[in-house]
C-alpha atoms as a PDB file:
ATOM      1  CA  MET A   1      84.783 107.448 125.246  1.00  0.00           C
ATOM      2  CA  LYS A   2      84.792 106.970 121.500  1.00  0.00           C
ATOM      3  CA  LYS A   3      87.703 105.584 119.526  1.00  0.00           C
ATOM      4  CA  ARG A   4      89.135 107.890 117.220  1.00  0.00           C
ATOM      5  CA  MET A   5      89.396 106.101 113.577  1.00  0.00           C
ATOM      6  CA  LEU A   6      90.932 107.723 110.842  1.00  0.00           C
ATOM      7  CA  LEU A   7      89.737 106.534 107.452  1.00  0.00           C
ATOM      8  CA  TYR A   8      92.034 106.784 104.434  1.00  0.00           C
ATOM      9  CA  PHE A   9      90.324 106.070 101.339  1.00  0.00           C
ATOM     10  CA  GLY A  10      92.007 104.944  98.017  1.00  0.00           C
ATOM     11  CA  SER A  11      92.482 102.543  95.527  1.00  0.00           C
ATOM     12  CA  PHE A  12      95.917 101.228  96.530  1.00  0.00           C
ATOM     13  CA  ASP A  13      97.075  99.808  93.259  1.00  0.00           C
ATOM     14  CA  PRO A  14      99.692  99.359  94.861  1.00  0.00           C
ATOM     15  CA  ILE A  15     100.364 100.448  98.192  1.00  0.00           C
ATOM     16  CA  HIS A  16     103.374 102.301  98.702  1.00  0.00           C
ATOM     17  CA  ASN A  17     105.645 103.543 101.379  1.00  0.00           C
ATOM     18  CA  GLY A  18     104.169 106.711 101.364  1.00  0.00           C
ATOM     19  CA  HIS A  19     100.574 105.391 102.145  1.00  0.00           C
ATOM     20  CA  ILE A  20     102.444 103.712 105.079  1.00  0.00           C
ATOM     21  CA  ALA A  21     104.420 106.978 106.199  1.00  0.00           C
ATOM     22  CA  LEU A  22     101.391 109.033 106.263  1.00  0.00           C
ATOM     23  CA  ALA A  23      99.539 106.553 108.472  1.00  0.00           C
ATOM     24  CA  GLU A  24     102.314 106.347 110.899  1.00  0.00           C
ATOM     25  CA  TYR A  25     102.502 110.367 110.659  1.00  0.00           C
ATOM     26  CA  ALA A  26      98.944 110.394 111.657  1.00  0.00           C
ATOM     27  CA  LEU A  27      99.354 108.295 114.641  1.00  0.00           C
ATOM     28  CA  ASP A  28     102.800 109.937 115.749  1.00  0.00           C
ATOM     29  CA  LYS A  29     100.847 113.153 115.915  1.00  0.00           C
ATOM     30  CA  ASP A  30      97.747 111.733 117.576  1.00  0.00           C
ATOM     31  CA  LEU A  31      95.189 112.426 115.209  1.00  0.00           C
ATOM     32  CA  ALA A  32      93.890 109.050 115.704  1.00  0.00           C
ATOM     33  CA  ASP A  33      94.039 105.967 117.694  1.00  0.00           C
ATOM     34  CA  GLU A  34      94.008 103.982 114.712  1.00  0.00           C
ATOM     35  CA  VAL A  35      94.093 104.187 110.890  1.00  0.00           C
ATOM     36  CA  ALA A  36      91.807 101.980 108.549  1.00  0.00           C
ATOM     37  CA  LEU A  37      93.014 101.746 104.485  1.00  0.00           C
ATOM     38  CA  VAL A  38      89.699 101.617 103.095  1.00  0.00           C
ATOM     39  CA  ILE A  39      90.757 100.085  99.943  1.00  0.00           C
ATOM     40  CA  SER A  40      88.060 101.166  97.176  1.00  0.00           C
ATOM     41  CA  PRO A  41      87.178  98.304  94.795  1.00  0.00           C
ATOM     42  CA  GLN A  42      85.681 100.850  92.410  1.00  0.00           C
ATOM     43  CA  ASN A  43      86.552 104.771  92.499  1.00  0.00           C
ATOM     44  CA  PRO A  44      84.012 106.664  90.829  1.00  0.00           C
ATOM     45  CA  PHE A  45      86.406 108.810  89.106  1.00  0.00           C
ATOM     46  CA  LYS A  46      88.496 105.488  87.905  1.00  0.00           C
ATOM     47  CA  ALA A  47      85.502 103.994  86.298  1.00  0.00           C
ATOM     48  CA  ASP A  48      87.411 103.669  83.109  1.00  0.00           C
ATOM     49  CA  THR A  49      90.680 102.323  84.312  1.00  0.00           C
ATOM     50  CA  LEU A  50      91.502  98.683  84.609  1.00  0.00           C
ATOM     51  CA  GLN A  51      92.586  97.955  88.147  1.00  0.00           C
ATOM     52  CA  THR A  52      94.065  95.026  89.994  1.00  0.00           C
ATOM     53  CA  PRO A  53      91.729  92.732  91.122  1.00  0.00           C
ATOM     54  CA  GLU A  54      90.809  94.015  94.457  1.00  0.00           C
ATOM     55  CA  TYR A  55      91.519  90.748  96.442  1.00  0.00           C
ATOM     56  CA  MET A  56      95.194  91.459  94.992  1.00  0.00           C
ATOM     57  CA  ARG A  57      95.193  94.724  96.542  1.00  0.00           C
ATOM     58  CA  TYR A  58      94.311  94.042  99.724  1.00  0.00           C
ATOM     59  CA  GLU A  59      96.503  91.073 100.099  1.00  0.00           C
ATOM     60  CA  MET A  60      99.607  93.656  99.492  1.00  0.00           C
ATOM     61  CA  THR A  61      97.840  96.448 101.662  1.00  0.00           C
ATOM     62  CA  GLU A  62      97.861  93.927 104.418  1.00  0.00           C
ATOM     63  CA  ALA A  63     101.205  92.837 104.203  1.00  0.00           C
ATOM     64  CA  ALA A  64     102.541  96.434 103.910  1.00  0.00           C
ATOM     65  CA  THR A  65     100.792  97.318 107.138  1.00  0.00           C
ATOM     66  CA  LYS A  66     102.062  94.255 109.129  1.00  0.00           C
ATOM     67  CA  GLU A  67     105.207  95.682 108.070  1.00  0.00           C
ATOM     68  CA  SER A  68     104.587  99.203 109.766  1.00  0.00           C
ATOM     69  CA  ARG A  69     105.662 100.802 112.587  1.00  0.00           C
ATOM     70  CA  TYR A  70     102.129 100.327 114.089  1.00  0.00           C
ATOM     71  CA  PRO A  71     100.917  96.883 112.816  1.00  0.00           C
ATOM     72  CA  ASP A  72      98.158  96.830 115.581  1.00  0.00           C
ATOM     73  CA  LYS A  73      96.898 100.443 114.623  1.00  0.00           C
ATOM     74  CA  ILE A  74      97.309 100.257 111.007  1.00  0.00           C
ATOM     75  CA  LYS A  75      94.996  97.856 109.184  1.00  0.00           C
ATOM     76  CA  PRO A  76      93.101  97.478 105.788  1.00  0.00           C
ATOM     77  CA  SER A  77      89.477  97.928 105.577  1.00  0.00           C
ATOM     78  CA  VAL A  78      87.371  95.541 103.205  1.00  0.00           C
ATOM     79  CA  ILE A  79      84.163  97.665 103.962  1.00  0.00           C
ATOM     80  CA  GLU A  80      83.768  98.851 100.429  1.00  0.00           C
ATOM     81  CA  PHE A  81      83.846  95.351  98.895  1.00  0.00           C
ATOM     82  CA  VAL A  82      80.364  94.550 100.199  1.00  0.00           C
ATOM     83  CA  LEU A  83      78.997  98.075  99.741  1.00  0.00           C
ATOM     84  CA  GLU A  84      77.055  99.077  96.966  1.00  0.00           C
ATOM     85  CA  LYS A  85      79.653 100.234  93.702  1.00  0.00           C
ATOM     86  CA  PRO A  86      80.637 102.682  92.712  1.00  0.00           C
ATOM     87  CA  SER A  87      82.283 103.290  96.149  1.00  0.00           C
ATOM     88  CA  TYR A  88      80.928 106.869  97.210  1.00  0.00           C
ATOM     89  CA  THR A  89      82.399 107.881 100.215  1.00  0.00           C
ATOM     90  CA  ILE A  90      79.124 109.131 101.968  1.00  0.00           C
ATOM     91  CA  ASN A  91      77.821 105.921 101.344  1.00  0.00           C
ATOM     92  CA  THR A  92      80.504 104.225 103.433  1.00  0.00           C
ATOM     93  CA  LEU A  93      80.666 107.028 106.316  1.00  0.00           C
ATOM     94  CA  ASP A  94      76.702 106.293 106.784  1.00  0.00           C
ATOM     95  CA  TYR A  95      77.229 102.700 106.845  1.00  0.00           C
ATOM     96  CA  LEU A  96      80.036 103.069 109.469  1.00  0.00           C
ATOM     97  CA  LYS A  97      78.457 105.672 111.399  1.00  0.00           C
ATOM     98  CA  GLU A  98      75.203 103.644 111.666  1.00  0.00           C
ATOM     99  CA  THR A  99      77.056 100.342 112.338  1.00  0.00           C
ATOM    100  CA  CYS A 100      79.854 101.743 114.566  1.00  0.00           C
ATOM    101  CA  GLY A 101      79.016 105.194 115.330  1.00  0.00           C
ATOM    102  CA  ASP A 102      78.344 104.398 119.297  1.00  0.00           C
ATOM    103  CA  ASP A 103      81.738 102.979 119.460  1.00  0.00           C
ATOM    104  CA  MET A 104      84.107 105.236 117.028  1.00  0.00           C
ATOM    105  CA  GLU A 105      84.326 108.514 115.732  1.00  0.00           C
ATOM    106  CA  PHE A 106      85.572 108.684 112.262  1.00  0.00           C
ATOM    107  CA  ALA A 107      87.528 111.615 110.462  1.00  0.00           C
ATOM    108  CA  ILE A 108      89.243 111.495 106.949  1.00  0.00           C
ATOM    109  CA  ILE A 109      92.372 111.831 105.345  1.00  0.00           C
ATOM    110  CA  THR A 110      92.939 112.332 101.779  1.00  0.00           C
ATOM    111  CA  GLY A 111      95.694 114.157  99.404  1.00  0.00           C
ATOM    112  CA  SER A 112      95.348 117.801  97.990  1.00  0.00           C
ATOM    113  CA  ASP A 113      95.325 116.364  94.434  1.00  0.00           C
ATOM    114  CA  ILE A 114      92.091 114.040  95.606  1.00  0.00           C
ATOM    115  CA  TRP A 115      90.794 117.456  97.407  1.00  0.00           C
ATOM    116  CA  ALA A 116      91.173 119.209  94.375  1.00  0.00           C
ATOM    117  CA  ARG A 117      87.916 117.475  93.075  1.00  0.00           C
ATOM    118  CA  PHE A 118      86.071 117.147  96.021  1.00  0.00           C
ATOM    119  CA  ASP A 119      83.421 119.587  94.999  1.00  0.00           C
ATOM    120  CA  GLU A 120      82.379 116.547  92.579  1.00  0.00           C
ATOM    121  CA  TRP A 121      81.990 113.900  95.193  1.00  0.00           C
ATOM    122  CA  LYS A 122      78.628 112.604  96.078  1.00  0.00           C
ATOM    123  CA  ASP A 123      76.907 114.680  99.109  1.00  0.00           C
ATOM    124  CA  TYR A 124      80.444 116.985  99.779  1.00  0.00           C
ATOM    125  CA  GLU A 125      78.517 119.392 101.759  1.00  0.00           C
ATOM    126  CA  ARG A 126      77.661 116.560 104.321  1.00  0.00           C
ATOM    127  CA  ILE A 127      81.180 115.369 104.514  1.00  0.00           C
ATOM    128  CA  LEU A 128      82.563 118.764 105.295  1.00  0.00           C
ATOM    129  CA  ASN A 129      79.577 119.566 108.356  1.00  0.00           C
ATOM    130  CA  GLU A 130      79.895 115.884 109.635  1.00  0.00           C
ATOM    131  CA  TYR A 131      83.209 114.986 109.607  1.00  0.00           C
ATOM    132  CA  LYS A 132      86.897 116.133 110.196  1.00  0.00           C
ATOM    133  CA  ILE A 133      89.029 116.351 107.071  1.00  0.00           C
ATOM    134  CA  TYR A 134      92.979 116.052 107.268  1.00  0.00           C
ATOM    135  CA  VAL A 135      94.532 117.134 103.760  1.00  0.00           C
ATOM    136  CA  TYR A 136      98.256 116.276 103.020  1.00  0.00           C
ATOM    137  CA  PRO A 137      99.871 118.180 100.419  1.00  0.00           C
ATOM    138  CA  ARG A 138     100.619 116.605  97.222  1.00  0.00           C
ATOM    139  CA  LYS A 139     102.996 117.999  94.580  1.00  0.00           C
ATOM    140  CA  GLY A 140     101.424 120.656  92.262  1.00  0.00           C
ATOM    141  CA  TYR A 141      98.055 120.742  94.413  1.00  0.00           C
ATOM    142  CA  ALA A 142      97.992 123.622  96.782  1.00  0.00           C
ATOM    143  CA  VAL A 143      94.780 123.354  98.951  1.00  0.00           C
ATOM    144  CA  GLU A 144      92.504 125.972  97.442  1.00  0.00           C
ATOM    145  CA  LYS A 145      89.058 124.747  98.183  1.00  0.00           C
ATOM    146  CA  PHE A 146      87.254 124.756 101.264  1.00  0.00           C
ATOM    147  CA  ALA A 147      90.808 125.102 102.970  1.00  0.00           C
ATOM    148  CA  ASP A 148      89.022 127.122 105.807  1.00  0.00           C
ATOM    149  CA  ARG A 149      87.120 123.837 106.742  1.00  0.00           C
ATOM    150  CA  VAL A 150      89.728 121.478 106.396  1.00  0.00           C
ATOM    151  CA  THR A 151      93.151 120.690 108.997  1.00  0.00           C
ATOM    152  CA  ILE A 152      95.873 121.105 106.276  1.00  0.00           C
ATOM    153  CA  LEU A 153      99.132 118.328 107.348  1.00  0.00           C
ATOM    154  CA  GLU A 154     101.732 120.824 105.801  1.00  0.00           C
ATOM    155  CA  ASP A 155     104.458 118.949 107.873  1.00  0.00           C
ATOM    156  CA  ALA A 156     103.179 115.389 106.632  1.00  0.00           C
ATOM    157  CA  PRO A 157     105.742 113.449 104.734  1.00  0.00           C
ATOM    158  CA  PHE A 158     106.206 114.038 101.148  1.00  0.00           C
ATOM    159  CA  VAL A 159     106.535 111.403  98.828  1.00  0.00           C
ATOM    160  CA  GLU A 160     107.335 112.254  94.953  1.00  0.00           C
ATOM    161  CA  PHE A 161     106.221 109.336  93.755  1.00  0.00           C
ATOM    162  CA  SER A 162     102.474 107.325  93.183  1.00  0.00           C
ATOM    163  CA  SER A 163     101.150 104.083  92.515  1.00  0.00           C
ATOM    164  CA  THR A 164     101.164 104.971  89.177  1.00  0.00           C
ATOM    165  CA  GLU A 165     105.155 105.459  89.091  1.00  0.00           C
ATOM    166  CA  VAL A 166     105.366 101.960  90.897  1.00  0.00           C
ATOM    167  CA  ARG A 167     103.294 100.163  88.086  1.00  0.00           C
ATOM    168  CA  GLY A 168     105.408 101.816  85.674  1.00  0.00           C
ATOM    169  CA  LYS A 169     108.595 100.773  86.902  1.00  0.00           C
ATOM    170  CA  ALA A 170     107.469  97.262  87.277  1.00  0.00           C
ATOM    171  CA  GLU A 171     106.360  97.009  83.950  1.00  0.00           C
ATOM    172  CA  ARG A 172     109.372  98.039  82.819  1.00  0.00           C
ATOM    173  CA  ASN A 173     111.239  95.488  85.271  1.00  0.00           C
ATOM    174  CA  GLU A 174     112.937  98.204  87.003  1.00  0.00           C
ATOM    175  CA  ASP A 175     113.596  98.421  90.965  1.00  0.00           C
ATOM    176  CA  ILE A 176     110.699  99.060  93.071  1.00  0.00           C
ATOM    177  CA  SER A 177     112.592  98.123  96.407  1.00  0.00           C
ATOM    178  CA  ALA A 178     112.716 101.910  97.606  1.00  0.00           C
ATOM    179  CA  MET A 179     109.113 102.581  96.929  1.00  0.00           C
ATOM    180  CA  VAL A 180     107.337  99.784  98.476  1.00  0.00           C
ATOM    181  CA  SER A 181     107.694  97.400 101.344  1.00  0.00           C
ATOM    182  CA  PRO A 182     109.796  94.025 100.899  1.00  0.00           C
ATOM    183  CA  SER A 183     106.813  92.200 101.094  1.00  0.00           C
ATOM    184  CA  VAL A 184     104.824  93.888  98.389  1.00  0.00           C
ATOM    185  CA  ALA A 185     107.916  93.979  96.332  1.00  0.00           C
ATOM    186  CA  ASP A 186     108.320  90.292  96.660  1.00  0.00           C
ATOM    187  CA  TYR A 187     104.175  89.988  95.900  1.00  0.00           C
ATOM    188  CA  ILE A 188     104.252  92.029  93.074  1.00  0.00           C
ATOM    189  CA  VAL A 189     107.291  89.738  91.583  1.00  0.00           C
ATOM    190  CA  LYS A 190     105.570  86.604  92.310  1.00  0.00           C
ATOM    191  CA  ASN A 191     102.091  87.520  91.019  1.00  0.00           C
ATOM    192  CA  GLN A 192     103.838  89.188  87.867  1.00  0.00           C
ATOM    193  CA  LEU A 193     101.701  92.088  88.269  1.00  0.00           C
ATOM    194  CA  TRP A 194     102.053  94.763  85.470  1.00  0.00           C
ATOM    195  CA  THR A 195     104.323  92.987  83.601  1.00  0.00           C
ATOM    196  CA  PRO A 196     103.967  91.685  80.191  1.00  0.00           C
ATOM    197  CA  ALA A 197     104.004  88.181  81.179  1.00  0.00           C
ATOM    198  CA  GLY A 198     101.532  89.007  83.638  1.00  0.00           C
ATOM    199  CA  ARG A 199      99.052  90.262  81.195  1.00  0.00           C
ATOM    200  CA  ILE A 200      99.166  87.362  78.713  1.00  0.00           C
ATOM    201  CA  VAL A 201      98.433  85.058  82.011  1.00  0.00           C
END
């Protein structure tokens, strides 16, 4: 029997408690046997955005998953670090299917804010046809496109904040302990991420 692997794509800049809560929820609901947080080094929709170095995003994601309720089932993935950039989801899926398809069955989980632009994804029809897709609600983004072809997770944990807000608070030297795991908070402080001093360095 194939292992059910749920792919959670994102920049994770930084990973926050909402990301982990959603991965834990997916396992609680038996949507998958494992969840892979696929860190995208270059999101095609964020080509003009200066992102934190990918290795730092990986280290934070690894630290956060170790502090989750399922450290053996929620893991970061660097698969897109070695694939062609920008990171098109279909390219990653094709690679995973080719290399691991005999042992694993892949599904995708994404937020309704991301889903709003799904028809702009490369080969989006193939993704719809070939993979199970779970969509969780984000504030202000109703699931309208292809709603009959995805599973909407109405009872998924709802998180008000985003990675953008975490970065903003860190930049203003405000408390982020309620938004990220303790190790991620320590990592941000230690590396002076998003602070004026850090930018100078």
